[in-house]
C-alpha atoms as a PDB file:
ATOM      1  CA  MET A   1      -0.988  23.855   9.446  1.00  0.00           C
ATOM      2  CA  ASN A   2       1.693  21.660   8.060  1.00  0.00           C
ATOM      3  CA  GLU A   3       1.713  21.088   4.644  1.00  0.00           C
ATOM      4  CA  LEU A   4       3.188  18.300   2.573  1.00  0.00           C
ATOM      5  CA  PRO A   5       6.148  18.034   0.393  1.00  0.00           C
ATOM      6  CA  ASN A   6       4.788  18.138  -3.321  1.00  0.00           C
ATOM      7  CA  LEU A   7       3.303  15.237  -4.783  1.00  0.00           C
ATOM      8  CA  THR A   8       5.791  12.588  -5.910  1.00  0.00           C
ATOM      9  CA  LEU A   9       3.816  12.517  -9.337  1.00  0.00           C
ATOM     10  CA  PRO A  10       1.668  15.254 -10.415  1.00  0.00           C
ATOM     11  CA  PRO A  11      -1.554  14.269  -8.866  1.00  0.00           C
ATOM     12  CA  ALA A  12      -4.634  13.290 -10.730  1.00  0.00           C
ATOM     13  CA  PRO A  13      -7.211  16.078 -10.603  1.00  0.00           C
ATOM     14  CA  ASP A  14     -10.067  14.395  -7.796  1.00  0.00           C
ATOM     15  CA  ALA A  15     -12.646  12.077  -9.278  1.00  0.00           C
ATOM     16  CA  ILE A  16     -15.054  14.225  -7.584  1.00  0.00           C
ATOM     17  CA  ALA A  17     -13.730  17.422  -7.263  1.00  0.00           C
ATOM     18  CA  ALA A  18     -14.018  18.982  -3.039  1.00  0.00           C
ATOM     19  CA  GLY A  19     -16.925  20.882  -3.199  1.00  0.00           C
ATOM     20  CA  THR A  20     -18.801  18.990  -6.059  1.00  0.00           C
ATOM     21  CA  PRO A  21     -20.056  16.232  -3.657  1.00  0.00           C
ATOM     22  CA  HIS A  22     -21.952  12.944  -5.166  1.00  0.00           C
ATOM     23  CA  ARG A  23     -25.812  13.706  -5.181  1.00  0.00           C
ATOM     24  CA  PRO A  24     -28.653  11.543  -5.004  1.00  0.00           C
ATOM     25  CA  ALA A  25     -31.441  11.909  -6.353  1.00  0.00           C
ATOM     26  CA  ALA A  26     -33.241  15.602  -5.493  1.00  0.00           C
ATOM     27  CA  VAL A  27     -35.936  15.586  -3.813  1.00  0.00           C
ATOM     28  CA  PRO A  28     -38.433  18.098  -6.211  1.00  0.00           C
ATOM     29  CA  GLY A  29     -39.255  21.371  -3.770  1.00  0.00           C
ATOM     30  CA  ALA A  30     -36.903  20.439  -0.873  1.00  0.00           C
ATOM     31  CA  ALA A  31     -34.606  22.958   0.324  1.00  0.00           C
ATOM     32  CA  LYS A  32     -31.459  22.743  -0.476  1.00  0.00           C
ATOM     33  CA  PRO A  33     -29.316  24.906   2.769  1.00  0.00           C
ATOM     34  CA  GLY A  34     -25.755  22.817   1.976  1.00  0.00           C
ATOM     35  CA  PRO A  35     -24.873  19.273   1.012  1.00  0.00           C
ATOM     36  CA  GLU A  36     -26.955  16.616   1.274  1.00  0.00           C
ATOM     37  CA  ARG A  37     -27.038  13.579   3.721  1.00  0.00           C
ATOM     38  CA  GLY A  38     -24.665  10.890   2.012  1.00  0.00           C
ATOM     39  CA  ALA A  39     -22.570  12.974  -0.479  1.00  0.00           C
ATOM     40  CA  ILE A  40     -19.254  12.511  -0.510  1.00  0.00           C
ATOM     41  CA  GLN A  41     -16.211  14.148  -1.890  1.00  0.00           C
ATOM     42  CA  VAL A  42     -12.583  13.272  -2.819  1.00  0.00           C
ATOM     43  CA  ALA A  43      -9.606  14.270  -2.703  1.00  0.00           C
ATOM     44  CA  TRP A  44      -5.876  13.770  -2.155  1.00  0.00           C
ATOM     45  CA  ALA A  45      -4.359  14.363   0.934  1.00  0.00           C
ATOM     46  CA  ARG A  46      -1.933  18.193   0.715  1.00  0.00           C
ATOM     47  CA  HIS A  47      -1.445  18.451   4.179  1.00  0.00           C
ATOM     48  CA  LEU A  48      -0.242  16.023   7.179  1.00  0.00           C
ATOM     49  CA  ASP A  49      -2.898  17.263   9.145  1.00  0.00           C
ATOM     50  CA  GLU A  50      -4.764  15.615   6.373  1.00  0.00           C
ATOM     51  CA  VAL A  51      -2.777  12.713   6.645  1.00  0.00           C
ATOM     52  CA  ARG A  52      -3.504  12.509  10.223  1.00  0.00           C
ATOM     53  CA  GLU A  53      -7.073  11.740   9.825  1.00  0.00           C
ATOM     54  CA  ALA A  54      -6.536   9.188   7.529  1.00  0.00           C
ATOM     55  CA  GLN A  55      -4.575   7.615  10.411  1.00  0.00           C
ATOM     56  CA  ARG A  56      -7.080   7.762  12.869  1.00  0.00           C
ATOM     57  CA  LEU A  57      -8.905   6.267  10.898  1.00  0.00           C
ATOM     58  CA  ARG A  58      -7.238   3.531  10.366  1.00  0.00           C
ATOM     59  CA  PHE A  59      -6.527   3.328  14.209  1.00  0.00           C
ATOM     60  CA  ASP A  60     -10.240   2.796  14.319  1.00  0.00           C
ATOM     61  CA  VAL A  61     -11.063   0.129  11.856  1.00  0.00           C
ATOM     62  CA  PHE A  62      -7.655  -1.629  12.625  1.00  0.00           C
ATOM     63  CA  ALA A  63      -6.869  -1.488  16.286  1.00  0.00           C
ATOM     64  CA  ALA A  64     -10.778  -0.748  17.610  1.00  0.00           C
ATOM     65  CA  GLU A  65     -13.202  -3.189  14.795  1.00  0.00           C
ATOM     66  CA  MET A  66     -10.406  -5.608  14.203  1.00  0.00           C
ATOM     67  CA  GLY A  67      -8.337  -5.637  17.626  1.00  0.00           C
ATOM     68  CA  ALA A  68      -5.185  -5.552  15.368  1.00  0.00           C
ATOM     69  CA  ARG A  69      -1.672  -4.866  17.851  1.00  0.00           C
ATOM     70  CA  LEU A  70      -0.188  -2.208  16.359  1.00  0.00           C
ATOM     71  CA  THR A  71       2.705  -0.340  17.143  1.00  0.00           C
ATOM     72  CA  THR A  72       2.616   3.270  16.307  1.00  0.00           C
ATOM     73  CA  PRO A  73       4.793   6.632  17.537  1.00  0.00           C
ATOM     74  CA  ILE A  74       1.207   8.784  17.825  1.00  0.00           C
ATOM     75  CA  PRO A  75      -1.455   7.362  20.343  1.00  0.00           C
ATOM     76  CA  CYS A  76      -4.825   6.624  18.250  1.00  0.00           C
ATOM     77  CA  HIS A  77      -3.420   6.209  14.701  1.00  0.00           C
ATOM     78  CA  ASP A  78      -1.635   3.429  12.489  1.00  0.00           C
ATOM     79  CA  VAL A  79       1.432   4.994  11.525  1.00  0.00           C
ATOM     80  CA  ASP A  80       4.290   2.998   9.936  1.00  0.00           C
ATOM     81  CA  LEU A  81       7.285   3.667   7.522  1.00  0.00           C
ATOM     82  CA  PHE A  82       5.680   3.872   4.696  1.00  0.00           C
ATOM     83  CA  ASP A  83       2.449   6.714   5.277  1.00  0.00           C
ATOM     84  CA  ASP A  84       5.716   9.481   4.736  1.00  0.00           C
ATOM     85  CA  TYR A  85       6.560   8.405   1.134  1.00  0.00           C
ATOM     86  CA  CYS A  86       2.949   7.520  -0.059  1.00  0.00           C
ATOM     87  CA  GLU A  87       0.080   9.484  -1.667  1.00  0.00           C
ATOM     88  CA  HIS A  88      -3.147   9.794   0.262  1.00  0.00           C
ATOM     89  CA  LEU A  89      -6.233   9.526  -1.037  1.00  0.00           C
ATOM     90  CA  LEU A  90      -9.514  10.904   1.368  1.00  0.00           C
ATOM     91  CA  VAL A  91     -13.118  10.622   1.276  1.00  0.00           C
ATOM     92  CA  ARG A  92     -15.275  13.075   3.186  1.00  0.00           C
ATOM     93  CA  ASP A  93     -18.944  12.914   4.046  1.00  0.00           C
ATOM     94  CA  ALA A  94     -19.276  16.220   2.068  1.00  0.00           C
ATOM     95  CA  GLN A  95     -21.940  17.110   5.366  1.00  0.00           C
ATOM     96  CA  SER A  96     -19.417  17.292   8.537  1.00  0.00           C
ATOM     97  CA  GLN A  97     -16.021  16.766   6.806  1.00  0.00           C
ATOM     98  CA  GLN A  98     -15.340  13.610   8.804  1.00  0.00           C
ATOM     99  CA  VAL A  99     -13.220  10.824   6.242  1.00  0.00           C
ATOM    100  CA  ILE A 100     -14.905   7.869   5.973  1.00  0.00           C
ATOM    101  CA  GLY A 101     -12.424   6.456   3.593  1.00  0.00           C
ATOM    102  CA  THR A 102      -8.649   6.022   2.258  1.00  0.00           C
ATOM    103  CA  TYR A 103      -5.870   4.652   0.217  1.00  0.00           C
ATOM    104  CA  ARG A 104      -2.813   4.967   0.392  1.00  0.00           C
ATOM    105  CA  VAL A 105      -0.319   5.106  -2.795  1.00  0.00           C
ATOM    106  CA  LEU A 106       3.284   4.419  -2.980  1.00  0.00           C
ATOM    107  CA  THR A 107       4.545   4.799  -6.646  1.00  0.00           C
ATOM    108  CA  PRO A 108       7.696   3.744  -8.091  1.00  0.00           C
ATOM    109  CA  ALA A 109      10.088   6.490  -7.192  1.00  0.00           C
ATOM    110  CA  GLN A 110       8.911   5.898  -3.766  1.00  0.00           C
ATOM    111  CA  ALA A 111       9.445   2.621  -3.388  1.00  0.00           C
ATOM    112  CA  LYS A 112      12.687   3.011  -4.400  1.00  0.00           C
ATOM    113  CA  ARG A 113      13.223   5.852  -2.413  1.00  0.00           C
ATOM    114  CA  VAL A 114      12.023   3.894   1.313  1.00  0.00           C
ATOM    115  CA  GLY A 115      13.739   0.393  -0.501  1.00  0.00           C
ATOM    116  CA  GLY A 116      10.499  -1.315  -1.064  1.00  0.00           C
ATOM    117  CA  THR A 117       6.916  -1.449  -0.880  1.00  0.00           C
ATOM    118  CA  TYR A 118       4.940  -3.333   2.282  1.00  0.00           C
ATOM    119  CA  SER A 119       3.900  -6.534   0.380  1.00  0.00           C
ATOM    120  CA  ASP A 120       8.073  -6.845   0.419  1.00  0.00           C
ATOM    121  CA  THR A 121       7.721  -6.957   3.901  1.00  0.00           C
ATOM    122  CA  GLU A 122       5.135  -9.997   3.468  1.00  0.00           C
ATOM    123  CA  PHE A 123       5.958 -11.602   0.428  1.00  0.00           C
ATOM    124  CA  ASP A 124       9.292 -12.465  -1.590  1.00  0.00           C
ATOM    125  CA  LEU A 125       8.410 -10.179  -5.163  1.00  0.00           C
ATOM    126  CA  THR A 126      11.186 -11.322  -6.683  1.00  0.00           C
ATOM    127  CA  ARG A 127       9.225 -12.123 -10.068  1.00  0.00           C
ATOM    128  CA  LEU A 128       7.760  -8.520 -10.009  1.00  0.00           C
ATOM    129  CA  ARG A 129      10.958  -7.036 -10.882  1.00  0.00           C
ATOM    130  CA  THR A 130       9.826  -6.800 -14.193  1.00  0.00           C
ATOM    131  CA  LEU A 131       6.479  -4.646 -13.898  1.00  0.00           C
ATOM    132  CA  ARG A 132       8.277  -2.222 -10.872  1.00  0.00           C
ATOM    133  CA  PRO A 133       8.814   0.739 -13.313  1.00  0.00           C
ATOM    134  CA  ARG A 134       5.192   1.411 -13.511  1.00  0.00           C
ATOM    135  CA  MET A 135       3.719  -0.471 -10.785  1.00  0.00           C
ATOM    136  CA  VAL A 136       2.165   0.701  -7.150  1.00  0.00           C
ATOM    137  CA  GLU A 137       1.297  -0.548  -4.288  1.00  0.00           C
ATOM    138  CA  LEU A 138      -1.882   0.020  -3.109  1.00  0.00           C
ATOM    139  CA  GLY A 139      -2.699  -0.339   1.049  1.00  0.00           C
ATOM    140  CA  ARG A 140      -4.004   0.494   4.034  1.00  0.00           C
ATOM    141  CA  SER A 141      -7.684   0.347   2.356  1.00  0.00           C
ATOM    142  CA  CYS A 142     -10.500   0.840   5.642  1.00  0.00           C
ATOM    143  CA  VAL A 143     -14.253   3.012   4.923  1.00  0.00           C
ATOM    144  CA  HIS A 144     -15.704   3.764   8.496  1.00  0.00           C
ATOM    145  CA  PRO A 145     -18.387   1.449   9.410  1.00  0.00           C
ATOM    146  CA  ASP A 146     -21.417   3.703   8.836  1.00  0.00           C
ATOM    147  CA  HIS A 147     -20.638   4.183   4.728  1.00  0.00           C
ATOM    148  CA  ARG A 148     -19.951   0.563   4.140  1.00  0.00           C
ATOM    149  CA  HIS A 149     -21.398   0.755   0.939  1.00  0.00           C
ATOM    150  CA  GLY A 150     -20.672   0.715  -3.098  1.00  0.00           C
ATOM    151  CA  GLY A 151     -20.773   4.466  -3.417  1.00  0.00           C
ATOM    152  CA  VAL A 152     -17.320   5.098  -1.450  1.00  0.00           C
ATOM    153  CA  ILE A 153     -15.155   2.412  -2.980  1.00  0.00           C
ATOM    154  CA  MET A 154     -16.561   3.469  -6.359  1.00  0.00           C
ATOM    155  CA  ALA A 155     -15.494   7.063  -5.753  1.00  0.00           C
ATOM    156  CA  LEU A 156     -11.622   5.452  -4.133  1.00  0.00           C
ATOM    157  CA  TRP A 157     -11.534   3.598  -7.198  1.00  0.00           C
ATOM    158  CA  SER A 158     -12.535   6.247  -9.872  1.00  0.00           C
ATOM    159  CA  ALA A 159     -10.001   8.551  -8.345  1.00  0.00           C
ATOM    160  CA  LEU A 160      -6.816   5.753  -8.190  1.00  0.00           C
ATOM    161  CA  ALA A 161      -7.404   4.798 -12.072  1.00  0.00           C
ATOM    162  CA  ASP A 162      -7.194   8.023 -12.833  1.00  0.00           C
ATOM    163  CA  PHE A 163      -4.086   8.580 -11.171  1.00  0.00           C
ATOM    164  CA  MET A 164      -2.603   5.858 -12.826  1.00  0.00           C
ATOM    165  CA  VAL A 165      -3.542   7.058 -16.531  1.00  0.00           C
ATOM    166  CA  ARG A 166      -1.850  10.377 -16.137  1.00  0.00           C
ATOM    167  CA  ASN A 167       1.053   9.197 -14.596  1.00  0.00           C
ATOM    168  CA  GLN A 168       1.239   6.627 -16.805  1.00  0.00           C
ATOM    169  CA  LEU A 169       1.071   3.449 -14.857  1.00  0.00           C
ATOM    170  CA  ASP A 170      -0.050   0.150 -15.429  1.00  0.00           C
ATOM    171  CA  THR A 171      -0.074  -1.733 -12.337  1.00  0.00           C
ATOM    172  CA  MET A 172      -1.017  -2.431  -8.446  1.00  0.00           C
ATOM    173  CA  ILE A 173      -0.261  -4.477  -6.474  1.00  0.00           C
ATOM    174  CA  GLY A 174      -1.015  -4.840  -2.409  1.00  0.00           C
ATOM    175  CA  CYS A 175      -2.063  -7.414   0.235  1.00  0.00           C
ATOM    176  CA  ALA A 176      -5.784  -7.813   0.994  1.00  0.00           C
ATOM    177  CA  SER A 177      -6.791  -9.127   3.863  1.00  0.00           C
ATOM    178  CA  ILE A 178      -9.140 -11.689   5.378  1.00  0.00           C
ATOM    179  CA  PRO A 179      -9.677 -11.808   9.411  1.00  0.00           C
ATOM    180  CA  MET A 180      -9.195 -14.815  10.258  1.00  0.00           C
ATOM    181  CA  LEU A 181     -11.847 -14.747  13.170  1.00  0.00           C
ATOM    182  CA  HIS A 182     -14.397 -16.819  11.799  1.00  0.00           C
ATOM    183  CA  ASN A 183     -17.826 -17.796  13.229  1.00  0.00           C
ATOM    184  CA  GLY A 184     -16.712 -16.146  16.319  1.00  0.00           C
ATOM    185  CA  VAL A 185     -13.761 -18.453  16.753  1.00  0.00           C
ATOM    186  CA  VAL A 186      -9.872 -17.347  15.369  1.00  0.00           C
ATOM    187  CA  SER A 187      -9.212 -19.750  13.168  1.00  0.00           C
ATOM    188  CA  GLY A 188      -7.407 -20.035   9.707  1.00  0.00           C
ATOM    189  CA  ASP A 189     -10.088 -22.314   8.276  1.00  0.00           C
ATOM    190  CA  ALA A 190     -11.777 -19.257   6.242  1.00  0.00           C
ATOM    191  CA  ALA A 191      -8.828 -18.132   4.585  1.00  0.00           C
ATOM    192  CA  ALA A 192      -7.891 -21.704   3.917  1.00  0.00           C
ATOM    193  CA  SER A 193     -11.083 -22.209   1.875  1.00  0.00           C
ATOM    194  CA  ILE A 194     -10.978 -18.467   0.347  1.00  0.00           C
ATOM    195  CA  TRP A 195      -7.545 -19.923  -1.047  1.00  0.00           C
ATOM    196  CA  GLN A 196      -8.457 -23.031  -2.063  1.00  0.00           C
ATOM    197  CA  GLN A 197     -11.874 -21.096  -4.035  1.00  0.00           C
ATOM    198  CA  VAL A 198      -9.935 -18.025  -5.441  1.00  0.00           C
ATOM    199  CA  ARG A 199      -7.063 -20.166  -6.814  1.00  0.00           C
ATOM    200  CA  LYS A 200      -8.976 -22.339  -8.948  1.00  0.00           C
ATOM    201  CA  THR A 201     -10.523 -19.216 -10.809  1.00  0.00           C
ATOM    202  CA  HIS A 202      -8.036 -16.059 -10.512  1.00  0.00           C
ATOM    203  CA  LEU A 203      -4.483 -16.883  -9.722  1.00  0.00           C
ATOM    204  CA  ALA A 204      -1.990 -15.138 -11.923  1.00  0.00           C
ATOM    205  CA  PRO A 205      -0.015 -16.961 -14.676  1.00  0.00           C
ATOM    206  CA  ILE A 206       3.209 -18.825 -12.768  1.00  0.00           C
ATOM    207  CA  GLU A 207       6.181 -15.925 -14.391  1.00  0.00           C
ATOM    208  CA  TYR A 208       4.050 -13.364 -11.443  1.00  0.00           C
ATOM    209  CA  HIS A 209       3.829 -15.914  -8.413  1.00  0.00           C
ATOM    210  CA  VAL A 210       5.104 -15.155  -4.980  1.00  0.00           C
ATOM    211  CA  LEU A 211       6.100 -16.543  -1.654  1.00  0.00           C
ATOM    212  CA  PRO A 212       4.999 -15.710   1.687  1.00  0.00           C
ATOM    213  CA  ARG A 213       7.980 -14.828   4.022  1.00  0.00           C
ATOM    214  CA  LEU A 214       5.201 -16.247   6.981  1.00  0.00           C
ATOM    215  CA  PRO A 215       3.073 -18.525   5.196  1.00  0.00           C
ATOM    216  CA  LEU A 216      -0.700 -19.726   6.286  1.00  0.00           C
ATOM    217  CA  PRO A 217      -0.510 -22.995   6.791  1.00  0.00           C
ATOM    218  CA  VAL A 218      -2.902 -23.623   4.519  1.00  0.00           C
ATOM    219  CA  GLU A 219      -2.224 -27.625   4.602  1.00  0.00           C
ATOM    220  CA  HIS A 220      -2.860 -28.374   7.972  1.00  0.00           C
ATOM    221  CA  LEU A 221      -6.090 -25.688   7.767  1.00  0.00           C
ATOM    222  CA  ASP A 222      -9.859 -27.215   6.758  1.00  0.00           C
ATOM    223  CA  GLY A 223     -10.234 -25.251   3.120  1.00  0.00           C
ATOM    224  CA  SER A 224     -13.643 -26.516   1.889  1.00  0.00           C
ATOM    225  CA  ILE A 225     -15.731 -24.395   4.340  1.00  0.00           C
ATOM    226  CA  ALA A 226     -18.100 -22.738   2.326  1.00  0.00           C
ATOM    227  CA  VAL A 227     -17.399 -18.867   3.116  1.00  0.00           C
ATOM    228  CA  GLU A 228     -16.960 -15.927   0.791  1.00  0.00           C
ATOM    229  CA  PRO A 229     -14.472 -13.888   0.322  1.00  0.00           C
ATOM    230  CA  PRO A 230     -14.483 -10.804   2.058  1.00  0.00           C
ATOM    231  CA  ALA A 231     -16.119  -7.534  -0.189  1.00  0.00           C
ATOM    232  CA  LEU A 232     -13.240  -6.194  -1.404  1.00  0.00           C
ATOM    233  CA  ILE A 233     -11.502  -9.279  -2.294  1.00  0.00           C
ATOM    234  CA  LYS A 234     -14.674  -9.551  -4.128  1.00  0.00           C
ATOM    235  CA  GLY A 235     -14.858  -6.592  -5.567  1.00  0.00           C
ATOM    236  CA  TYR A 236     -10.967  -6.474  -7.079  1.00  0.00           C
ATOM    237  CA  LEU A 237     -12.094 -10.513  -8.805  1.00  0.00           C
ATOM    238  CA  ARG A 238     -14.403  -8.496 -10.645  1.00  0.00           C
ATOM    239  CA  LEU A 239     -12.643  -5.406 -11.872  1.00  0.00           C
ATOM    240  CA  GLY A 240     -10.355  -8.737 -13.298  1.00  0.00           C
ATOM    241  CA  ALA A 241      -7.666  -8.746 -10.452  1.00  0.00           C
ATOM    242  CA  ARG A 242      -5.094 -11.810 -10.321  1.00  0.00           C
ATOM    243  CA  VAL A 243      -3.708 -13.115  -7.147  1.00  0.00           C
ATOM    244  CA  LEU A 244       0.137 -14.149  -7.126  1.00  0.00           C
ATOM    245  CA  GLY A 245       0.175 -16.548  -4.316  1.00  0.00           C
ATOM    246  CA  ALA A 246      -1.135 -18.735  -1.096  1.00  0.00           C
ATOM    247  CA  PRO A 247      -1.083 -16.058   1.332  1.00  0.00           C
ATOM    248  CA  ALA A 248       0.698 -14.883   4.531  1.00  0.00           C
ATOM    249  CA  TRP A 249      -0.407 -14.299   8.009  1.00  0.00           C
ATOM    250  CA  ASP A 250       0.084 -11.627   9.815  1.00  0.00           C
ATOM    251  CA  PRO A 251       0.838 -12.121  13.440  1.00  0.00           C
ATOM    252  CA  ASP A 252      -0.003  -8.278  14.547  1.00  0.00           C
ATOM    253  CA  PHE A 253      -2.889  -7.349  11.924  1.00  0.00           C
ATOM    254  CA  ASN A 254      -4.742 -11.670  12.976  1.00  0.00           C
ATOM    255  CA  THR A 255      -5.081 -11.267   9.530  1.00  0.00           C
ATOM    256  CA  ALA A 256      -4.273 -14.026   5.590  1.00  0.00           C
ATOM    257  CA  ASP A 257      -3.171 -11.313   3.591  1.00  0.00           C
ATOM    258  CA  LEU A 258      -3.699 -12.420  -0.004  1.00  0.00           C
ATOM    259  CA  PRO A 259      -0.944 -10.925  -2.533  1.00  0.00           C
ATOM    260  CA  MET A 260      -3.347  -9.396  -5.762  1.00  0.00           C
ATOM    261  CA  LEU A 261      -2.515  -7.311  -8.645  1.00  0.00           C
ATOM    262  CA  MET A 262      -4.245  -6.051 -10.875  1.00  0.00           C
ATOM    263  CA  ARG A 263      -3.324  -4.632 -14.351  1.00  0.00           C
ATOM    264  CA  LEU A 264      -5.218  -2.191 -16.091  1.00  0.00           C
ATOM    265  CA  ALA A 265      -5.020  -4.042 -19.585  1.00  0.00           C
ATOM    266  CA  ASP A 266      -6.613  -6.405 -17.523  1.00  0.00           C
ATOM    267  CA  LEU A 267      -9.371  -4.251 -16.286  1.00  0.00           C
ATOM    268  CA  HIS A 268     -13.077  -5.855 -16.758  1.00  0.00           C
ATOM    269  CA  PRO A 269     -14.610  -4.503 -19.855  1.00  0.00           C
ATOM    270  CA  ARG A 270     -17.970  -3.373 -18.106  1.00  0.00           C
ATOM    271  CA  TYR A 271     -15.803  -2.116 -15.730  1.00  0.00           C
ATOM    272  CA  ARG A 272     -13.651   0.379 -18.658  1.00  0.00           C
ATOM    273  CA  LYS A 273     -15.588   2.530 -19.397  1.00  0.00           C
ATOM    274  CA  HIS A 274     -16.497   3.568 -16.128  1.00  0.00           C
ATOM    275  CA  PHE A 275     -13.238   3.897 -14.961  1.00  0.00           C
ATOM    276  CA  LEU A 276     -10.803   4.772 -17.758  1.00  0.00           C
ATOM    277  CA  GLY A 277     -13.812   6.267 -20.304  1.00  0.00           C
ATOM    278  CA  ALA A 278     -12.536   3.575 -22.924  1.00  0.00           C
END
């Protein structure tokens, strides 16, 4: 088993400690030989083989399920140059120990070491320069198709919030993807329509606006389709996240990527107590 280097910041204690799974309501009189079906565990990866588990899940979701064209040095794994600099958060099925959800987190110190964030490759983030000392990037979020319920995402978000608070970080950014496939047809119309919706209600102040390096040509697309944003984007917006500008086109993943920013100070009161205990 290969040990990872020490985390760049002291890790927050696991939101749900390994071996202390989320438990559904118990059935009176039922036997309990092991973790209940549906129980989950959350932990930060500490060994390279744990990171590889996350990378396998990412490959299954992004390449096998969504059709992304990934350039990767390890077959059937989604690996890029940022992975070695990130902390990797894992959700496991407590019974099978299979990794069923993951996020990666790039801290300010590690972003300096690698020369920037993944978002920098898609957007000009010049206007965010004053935020960088306490800004992390979230990326490569995915959940196994058999476990796409609120519990997995909420567990990930709880652990992320704890990490932010304990390490005195206050801002999260990332690229939130919108698939280009709509009603079975590859088209940017759905992404253009979602952009037109969110720019009216959740656009960040102009001092935080960013510019896509490869813009989705929204002015040439139909932005009037009645389509809902993907569940993850809706979740971010409910938390209090803001969109930083028009979407970029990612040809490898065949997605339109919205630049998003979430500041702990802007966390919706409904979720503040749940995630921050305040």
